Amino acid sequence: MGDADDAQFNGVERVFGESAEVKYLMCFYHVVAKVFEKTRALQPSHAKLVMTGVYDMHFSLSEAEFLTTK
């Protein structure tokens, strides 16, 4: 989920019930924007390596899958 907006949580409860397990994740855009901001001082090759790791983590379906892509 994105910004942990109450409407999003209410929608999940309405569709899946109150017992639904919801795991809050940060908005991917905001993660990428902050990582980009913090890596600007790095050499481009290092910044690319960090950003690649962020994208690999984002698109992995599990921790195990992420670890096998590294």
PDB file of N, CA and C in Angstrom:
ATOM      1  N   MET A   1       0.847  -1.168   0.000  1.00  0.00           N
ATOM      2  CA  MET A   1       0.000   0.000   0.000  1.00  0.00           C
ATOM      3  C   MET A   1       0.890   1.227   0.000  1.00  0.00           C
ATOM      4  N   GLY A   2       0.339   2.327  -0.335  1.00  0.00           N
ATOM      5  CA  GLY A   2       1.137   3.519  -0.533  1.00  0.00           C
ATOM      6  C   GLY A   2       1.374   4.373   0.679  1.00  0.00           C
ATOM      7  N   ASP A   3       0.565   5.347   0.891  1.00  0.00           N
ATOM      8  CA  ASP A   3       0.813   6.347   1.917  1.00  0.00           C
ATOM      9  C   ASP A   3       0.081   6.058   3.223  1.00  0.00           C
ATOM     10  N   ALA A   4      -0.360   4.850   3.421  1.00  0.00           N
ATOM     11  CA  ALA A   4      -1.056   4.432   4.641  1.00  0.00           C
ATOM     12  C   ALA A   4      -2.297   5.273   4.903  1.00  0.00           C
ATOM     13  N   ASP A   5      -2.954   5.646   3.843  1.00  0.00           N
ATOM     14  CA  ASP A   5      -4.169   6.448   3.936  1.00  0.00           C
ATOM     15  C   ASP A   5      -5.289   5.601   4.532  1.00  0.00           C
ATOM     16  N   ASP A   6      -6.083   6.192   5.411  1.00  0.00           N
ATOM     17  CA  ASP A   6      -7.191   5.466   6.045  1.00  0.00           C
ATOM     18  C   ASP A   6      -8.148   4.865   5.021  1.00  0.00           C
ATOM     19  N   ALA A   7      -8.376   5.564   3.930  1.00  0.00           N
ATOM     20  CA  ALA A   7      -9.295   5.060   2.906  1.00  0.00           C
ATOM     21  C   ALA A   7      -8.789   3.751   2.317  1.00  0.00           C
ATOM     22  N   GLN A   8      -7.495   3.618   2.153  1.00  0.00           N
ATOM     23  CA  GLN A   8      -6.934   2.376   1.617  1.00  0.00           C
ATOM     24  C   GLN A   8      -7.156   1.221   2.593  1.00  0.00           C
ATOM     25  N   PHE A   9      -6.882   1.464   3.865  1.00  0.00           N
ATOM     26  CA  PHE A   9      -7.096   0.417   4.867  1.00  0.00           C
ATOM     27  C   PHE A   9      -8.573   0.053   4.971  1.00  0.00           C
ATOM     28  N   ASN A  10      -9.443   1.049   4.916  1.00  0.00           N
ATOM     29  CA  ASN A  10     -10.880   0.777   4.960  1.00  0.00           C
ATOM     30  C   ASN A  10     -11.312  -0.061   3.764  1.00  0.00           C
ATOM     31  N   GLY A  11     -10.763   0.227   2.591  1.00  0.00           N
ATOM     32  CA  GLY A  11     -11.079  -0.543   1.389  1.00  0.00           C
ATOM     33  C   GLY A  11     -10.648  -1.989   1.519  1.00  0.00           C
ATOM     34  N   VAL A  12      -9.461  -2.217   2.066  1.00  0.00           N
ATOM     35  CA  VAL A  12      -8.977  -3.584   2.269  1.00  0.00           C
ATOM     36  C   VAL A  12      -9.891  -4.321   3.244  1.00  0.00           C
ATOM     37  N   GLU A  13     -10.262  -3.663   4.336  1.00  0.00           N
ATOM     38  CA  GLU A  13     -11.162  -4.295   5.306  1.00  0.00           C
ATOM     39  C   GLU A  13     -12.511  -4.625   4.687  1.00  0.00           C
ATOM     40  N   ARG A  14     -13.011  -3.729   3.859  1.00  0.00           N
ATOM     41  CA  ARG A  14     -14.320  -3.940   3.245  1.00  0.00           C
ATOM     42  C   ARG A  14     -14.286  -5.126   2.280  1.00  0.00           C
ATOM     43  N   VAL A  15     -13.208  -5.256   1.540  1.00  0.00           N
ATOM     44  CA  VAL A  15     -13.110  -6.326   0.540  1.00  0.00           C
ATOM     45  C   VAL A  15     -12.691  -7.651   1.170  1.00  0.00           C
ATOM     46  N   PHE A  16     -11.687  -7.628   2.042  1.00  0.00           N
ATOM     47  CA  PHE A  16     -11.114  -8.862   2.571  1.00  0.00           C
ATOM     48  C   PHE A  16     -11.520  -9.177   4.007  1.00  0.00           C
ATOM     49  N   GLY A  17     -12.228  -8.267   4.647  1.00  0.00           N
ATOM     50  CA  GLY A  17     -12.645  -8.483   6.031  1.00  0.00           C
ATOM     51  C   GLY A  17     -11.664  -7.878   7.023  1.00  0.00           C
ATOM     52  N   GLU A  18     -12.141  -7.719   8.243  1.00  0.00           N
ATOM     53  CA  GLU A  18     -11.329  -7.072   9.272  1.00  0.00           C
ATOM     54  C   GLU A  18     -10.127  -7.902   9.691  1.00  0.00           C
ATOM     55  N   SER A  19     -10.174  -9.193   9.457  1.00  0.00           N
ATOM     56  CA  SER A  19      -9.064 -10.053   9.872  1.00  0.00           C
ATOM     57  C   SER A  19      -7.947 -10.124   8.828  1.00  0.00           C
ATOM     58  N   ALA A  20      -8.074  -9.371   7.755  1.00  0.00           N
ATOM     59  CA  ALA A  20      -7.059  -9.399   6.700  1.00  0.00           C
ATOM     60  C   ALA A  20      -5.728  -8.883   7.233  1.00  0.00           C
ATOM     61  N   GLU A  21      -4.655  -9.613   6.908  1.00  0.00           N
ATOM     62  CA  GLU A  21      -3.320  -9.174   7.301  1.00  0.00           C
ATOM     63  C   GLU A  21      -2.815  -8.184   6.272  1.00  0.00           C
ATOM     64  N   VAL A  22      -2.524  -6.995   6.719  1.00  0.00           N
ATOM     65  CA  VAL A  22      -2.037  -5.953   5.822  1.00  0.00           C
ATOM     66  C   VAL A  22      -0.631  -5.589   6.247  1.00  0.00           C
ATOM     67  N   LYS A  23       0.285  -5.616   5.302  1.00  0.00           N
ATOM     68  CA  LYS A  23       1.659  -5.226   5.574  1.00  0.00           C
ATOM     69  C   LYS A  23       1.891  -3.874   4.918  1.00  0.00           C
ATOM     70  N   TYR A  24       2.215  -2.882   5.726  1.00  0.00           N
ATOM     71  CA  TYR A  24       2.426  -1.532   5.205  1.00  0.00           C
ATOM     72  C   TYR A  24       3.787  -1.450   4.535  1.00  0.00           C
ATOM     73  N   LEU A  25       3.794  -0.967   3.322  1.00  0.00           N
ATOM     74  CA  LEU A  25       5.028  -0.719   2.579  1.00  0.00           C
ATOM     75  C   LEU A  25       5.094   0.753   2.230  1.00  0.00           C
ATOM     76  N   MET A  26       6.289   1.265   2.155  1.00  0.00           N
ATOM     77  CA  MET A  26       6.445   2.670   1.775  1.00  0.00           C
ATOM     78  C   MET A  26       6.104   2.842   0.302  1.00  0.00           C
ATOM     79  N   CYS A  27       5.691   4.020  -0.054  1.00  0.00           N
ATOM     80  CA  CYS A  27       5.413   4.348  -1.442  1.00  0.00           C
ATOM     81  C   CYS A  27       6.712   4.233  -2.241  1.00  0.00           C
ATOM     82  N   PHE A  28       6.697   3.433  -3.297  1.00  0.00           N
ATOM     83  CA  PHE A  28       7.911   3.188  -4.070  1.00  0.00           C
ATOM     84  C   PHE A  28       8.470   4.476  -4.652  1.00  0.00           C
ATOM     85  N   TYR A  29       7.602   5.359  -5.107  1.00  0.00           N
ATOM     86  CA  TYR A  29       8.081   6.636  -5.649  1.00  0.00           C
ATOM     87  C   TYR A  29       8.904   7.393  -4.607  1.00  0.00           C
ATOM     88  N   HIS A  30       8.395   7.470  -3.387  1.00  0.00           N
ATOM     89  CA  HIS A  30       9.098   8.213  -2.346  1.00  0.00           C
ATOM     90  C   HIS A  30      10.416   7.544  -1.964  1.00  0.00           C
ATOM     91  N   VAL A  31      10.455   6.229  -1.971  1.00  0.00           N
ATOM     92  CA  VAL A  31      11.707   5.519  -1.706  1.00  0.00           C
ATOM     93  C   VAL A  31      12.727   5.860  -2.783  1.00  0.00           C
ATOM     94  N   VAL A  32      12.331   5.739  -4.048  1.00  0.00           N
ATOM     95  CA  VAL A  32      13.254   6.016  -5.152  1.00  0.00           C
ATOM     96  C   VAL A  32      13.717   7.467  -5.125  1.00  0.00           C
ATOM     97  N   ALA A  33      12.804   8.386  -4.861  1.00  0.00           N
ATOM     98  CA  ALA A  33      13.173   9.805  -4.818  1.00  0.00           C
ATOM     99  C   ALA A  33      14.196  10.068  -3.720  1.00  0.00           C
ATOM    100  N   LYS A  34      14.012   9.480  -2.554  1.00  0.00           N
ATOM    101  CA  LYS A  34      14.945   9.696  -1.439  1.00  0.00           C
ATOM    102  C   LYS A  34      16.292   9.034  -1.717  1.00  0.00           C
ATOM    103  N   VAL A  35      16.277   7.819  -2.280  1.00  0.00           N
ATOM    104  CA  VAL A  35      17.532   7.148  -2.617  1.00  0.00           C
ATOM    105  C   VAL A  35      18.283   7.959  -3.670  1.00  0.00           C
ATOM    106  N   PHE A  36      17.577   8.456  -4.670  1.00  0.00           N
ATOM    107  CA  PHE A  36      18.206   9.287  -5.700  1.00  0.00           C
ATOM    108  C   PHE A  36      18.839  10.522  -5.071  1.00  0.00           C
ATOM    109  N   GLU A  37      18.100  11.161  -4.176  1.00  0.00           N
ATOM    110  CA  GLU A  37      18.607  12.367  -3.503  1.00  0.00           C
ATOM    111  C   GLU A  37      19.884  12.061  -2.713  1.00  0.00           C
ATOM    112  N   LYS A  38      19.881  10.948  -2.001  1.00  0.00           N
ATOM    113  CA  LYS A  38      21.013  10.606  -1.136  1.00  0.00           C
ATOM    114  C   LYS A  38      22.215  10.060  -1.900  1.00  0.00           C
ATOM    115  N   THR A  39      22.004   9.552  -3.123  1.00  0.00           N
ATOM    116  CA  THR A  39      23.120   8.967  -3.877  1.00  0.00           C
ATOM    117  C   THR A  39      23.699   9.915  -4.921  1.00  0.00           C
ATOM    118  N   ARG A  40      23.193  11.112  -5.012  1.00  0.00           N
ATOM    119  CA  ARG A  40      23.690  12.061  -6.017  1.00  0.00           C
ATOM    120  C   ARG A  40      25.171  12.379  -5.832  1.00  0.00           C
ATOM    121  N   ALA A  41      25.657  12.317  -4.601  1.00  0.00           N
ATOM    122  CA  ALA A  41      27.057  12.638  -4.324  1.00  0.00           C
ATOM    123  C   ALA A  41      27.993  11.476  -4.664  1.00  0.00           C
ATOM    124  N   LEU A  42      27.436  10.299  -4.903  1.00  0.00           N
ATOM    125  CA  LEU A  42      28.257   9.135  -5.237  1.00  0.00           C
ATOM    126  C   LEU A  42      28.680   9.170  -6.695  1.00  0.00           C
ATOM    127  N   GLN A  43      29.690   8.382  -7.002  1.00  0.00           N
ATOM    128  CA  GLN A  43      30.058   8.201  -8.403  1.00  0.00           C
ATOM    129  C   GLN A  43      28.873   7.553  -9.111  1.00  0.00           C
ATOM    130  N   PRO A  44      28.651   7.902 -10.373  1.00  0.00           N
ATOM    131  CA  PRO A  44      27.486   7.355 -11.094  1.00  0.00           C
ATOM    132  C   PRO A  44      27.399   5.831 -11.058  1.00  0.00           C
ATOM    133  N   SER A  45      28.531   5.146 -11.146  1.00  0.00           N
ATOM    134  CA  SER A  45      28.485   3.677 -11.130  1.00  0.00           C
ATOM    135  C   SER A  45      28.007   3.153  -9.776  1.00  0.00           C
ATOM    136  N   HIS A  46      28.389   3.826  -8.698  1.00  0.00           N
ATOM    137  CA  HIS A  46      27.934   3.406  -7.368  1.00  0.00           C
ATOM    138  C   HIS A  46      26.453   3.730  -7.166  1.00  0.00           C
ATOM    139  N   ALA A  47      26.038   4.895  -7.617  1.00  0.00           N
ATOM    140  CA  ALA A  47      24.627   5.275  -7.506  1.00  0.00           C
ATOM    141  C   ALA A  47      23.756   4.296  -8.287  1.00  0.00           C
ATOM    142  N   LYS A  48      24.234   3.891  -9.462  1.00  0.00           N
ATOM    143  CA  LYS A  48      23.482   2.928 -10.279  1.00  0.00           C
ATOM    144  C   LYS A  48      23.370   1.586  -9.560  1.00  0.00           C
ATOM    145  N   LEU A  49      24.433   1.165  -8.905  1.00  0.00           N
ATOM    146  CA  LEU A  49      24.420  -0.094  -8.163  1.00  0.00           C
ATOM    147  C   LEU A  49      23.389  -0.053  -7.034  1.00  0.00           C
ATOM    148  N   VAL A  50      23.342   1.060  -6.310  1.00  0.00           N
ATOM    149  CA  VAL A  50      22.368   1.210  -5.226  1.00  0.00           C
ATOM    150  C   VAL A  50      20.950   1.187  -5.784  1.00  0.00           C
ATOM    151  N   MET A  51      20.718   1.952  -6.853  1.00  0.00           N
ATOM    152  CA  MET A  51      19.375   2.032  -7.426  1.00  0.00           C
ATOM    153  C   MET A  51      18.942   0.680  -8.006  1.00  0.00           C
ATOM    154  N   THR A  52      19.874  -0.046  -8.587  1.00  0.00           N
ATOM    155  CA  THR A  52      19.562  -1.378  -9.102  1.00  0.00           C
ATOM    156  C   THR A  52      19.106  -2.290  -7.966  1.00  0.00           C
ATOM    157  N   GLY A  53      19.772  -2.192  -6.818  1.00  0.00           N
ATOM    158  CA  GLY A  53      19.376  -2.980  -5.657  1.00  0.00           C
ATOM    159  C   GLY A  53      17.972  -2.643  -5.184  1.00  0.00           C
ATOM    160  N   VAL A  54      17.640  -1.357  -5.201  1.00  0.00           N
ATOM    161  CA  VAL A  54      16.296  -0.931  -4.793  1.00  0.00           C
ATOM    162  C   VAL A  54      15.248  -1.513  -5.740  1.00  0.00           C
ATOM    163  N   TYR A  55      15.505  -1.439  -7.046  1.00  0.00           N
ATOM    164  CA  TYR A  55      14.552  -1.984  -8.023  1.00  0.00           C
ATOM    165  C   TYR A  55      14.453  -3.503  -7.907  1.00  0.00           C
ATOM    166  N   ASP A  56      15.591  -4.175  -7.719  1.00  0.00           N
ATOM    167  CA  ASP A  56      15.557  -5.632  -7.549  1.00  0.00           C
ATOM    168  C   ASP A  56      14.721  -6.013  -6.329  1.00  0.00           C
ATOM    169  N   MET A  57      14.882  -5.262  -5.243  1.00  0.00           N
ATOM    170  CA  MET A  57      14.108  -5.538  -4.036  1.00  0.00           C
ATOM    171  C   MET A  57      12.619  -5.299  -4.283  1.00  0.00           C
ATOM    172  N   HIS A  58      12.300  -4.225  -4.983  1.00  0.00           N
ATOM    173  CA  HIS A  58      10.899  -3.877  -5.239  1.00  0.00           C
ATOM    174  C   HIS A  58      10.183  -4.947  -6.059  1.00  0.00           C
ATOM    175  N   PHE A  59      10.858  -5.475  -7.059  1.00  0.00           N
ATOM    176  CA  PHE A  59      10.204  -6.418  -7.967  1.00  0.00           C
ATOM    177  C   PHE A  59      10.332  -7.877  -7.534  1.00  0.00           C
ATOM    178  N   SER A  60      11.026  -8.147  -6.435  1.00  0.00           N
ATOM    179  CA  SER A  60      11.127  -9.510  -5.917  1.00  0.00           C
ATOM    180  C   SER A  60       9.840  -9.873  -5.186  1.00  0.00           C
ATOM    181  N   LEU A  61       9.416 -11.097  -5.355  1.00  0.00           N
ATOM    182  CA  LEU A  61       8.197 -11.562  -4.698  1.00  0.00           C
ATOM    183  C   LEU A  61       8.445 -12.024  -3.271  1.00  0.00           C
ATOM    184  N   SER A  62       9.714 -12.276  -2.937  1.00  0.00           N
ATOM    185  CA  SER A  62      10.044 -12.729  -1.590  1.00  0.00           C
ATOM    186  C   SER A  62      11.489 -12.347  -1.280  1.00  0.00           C
ATOM    187  N   GLU A  63      11.843 -12.458  -0.010  1.00  0.00           N
ATOM    188  CA  GLU A  63      13.225 -12.184   0.379  1.00  0.00           C
ATOM    189  C   GLU A  63      14.168 -13.184  -0.280  1.00  0.00           C
ATOM    190  N   ALA A  64      13.746 -14.440  -0.364  1.00  0.00           N
ATOM    191  CA  ALA A  64      14.580 -15.470  -0.985  1.00  0.00           C
ATOM    192  C   ALA A  64      14.846 -15.143  -2.452  1.00  0.00           C
ATOM    193  N   GLU A  65      13.822 -14.688  -3.161  1.00  0.00           N
ATOM    194  CA  GLU A  65      14.011 -14.321  -4.566  1.00  0.00           C
ATOM    195  C   GLU A  65      14.980 -13.151  -4.691  1.00  0.00           C
ATOM    196  N   PHE A  66      14.851 -12.174  -3.817  1.00  0.00           N
ATOM    197  CA  PHE A  66      15.760 -11.030  -3.845  1.00  0.00           C
ATOM    198  C   PHE A  66      17.197 -11.478  -3.622  1.00  0.00           C
ATOM    199  N   LEU A  67      17.397 -12.362  -2.647  1.00  0.00           N
ATOM    200  CA  LEU A  67      18.748 -12.808  -2.334  1.00  0.00           C
ATOM    201  C   LEU A  67      19.369 -13.613  -3.468  1.00  0.00           C
ATOM    202  N   THR A  68      18.555 -14.308  -4.259  1.00  0.00           N
ATOM    203  CA  THR A  68      19.107 -15.071  -5.380  1.00  0.00           C
ATOM    204  C   THR A  68      19.445 -14.180  -6.566  1.00  0.00           C
ATOM    205  N   THR A  69      18.869 -12.978  -6.625  1.00  0.00           N
ATOM    206  CA  THR A  69      19.199 -12.071  -7.735  1.00  0.00           C
ATOM    207  C   THR A  69      20.502 -11.338  -7.480  1.00  0.00           C
ATOM    208  N   LYS A  70      20.984 -11.350  -6.260  1.00  0.00           N
ATOM    209  CA  LYS A  70      22.218 -10.632  -5.916  1.00  0.00           C
ATOM    210  C   LYS A  70      23.422 -11.449  -6.226  1.00  0.00           C
TER     211      LYS A  70
END
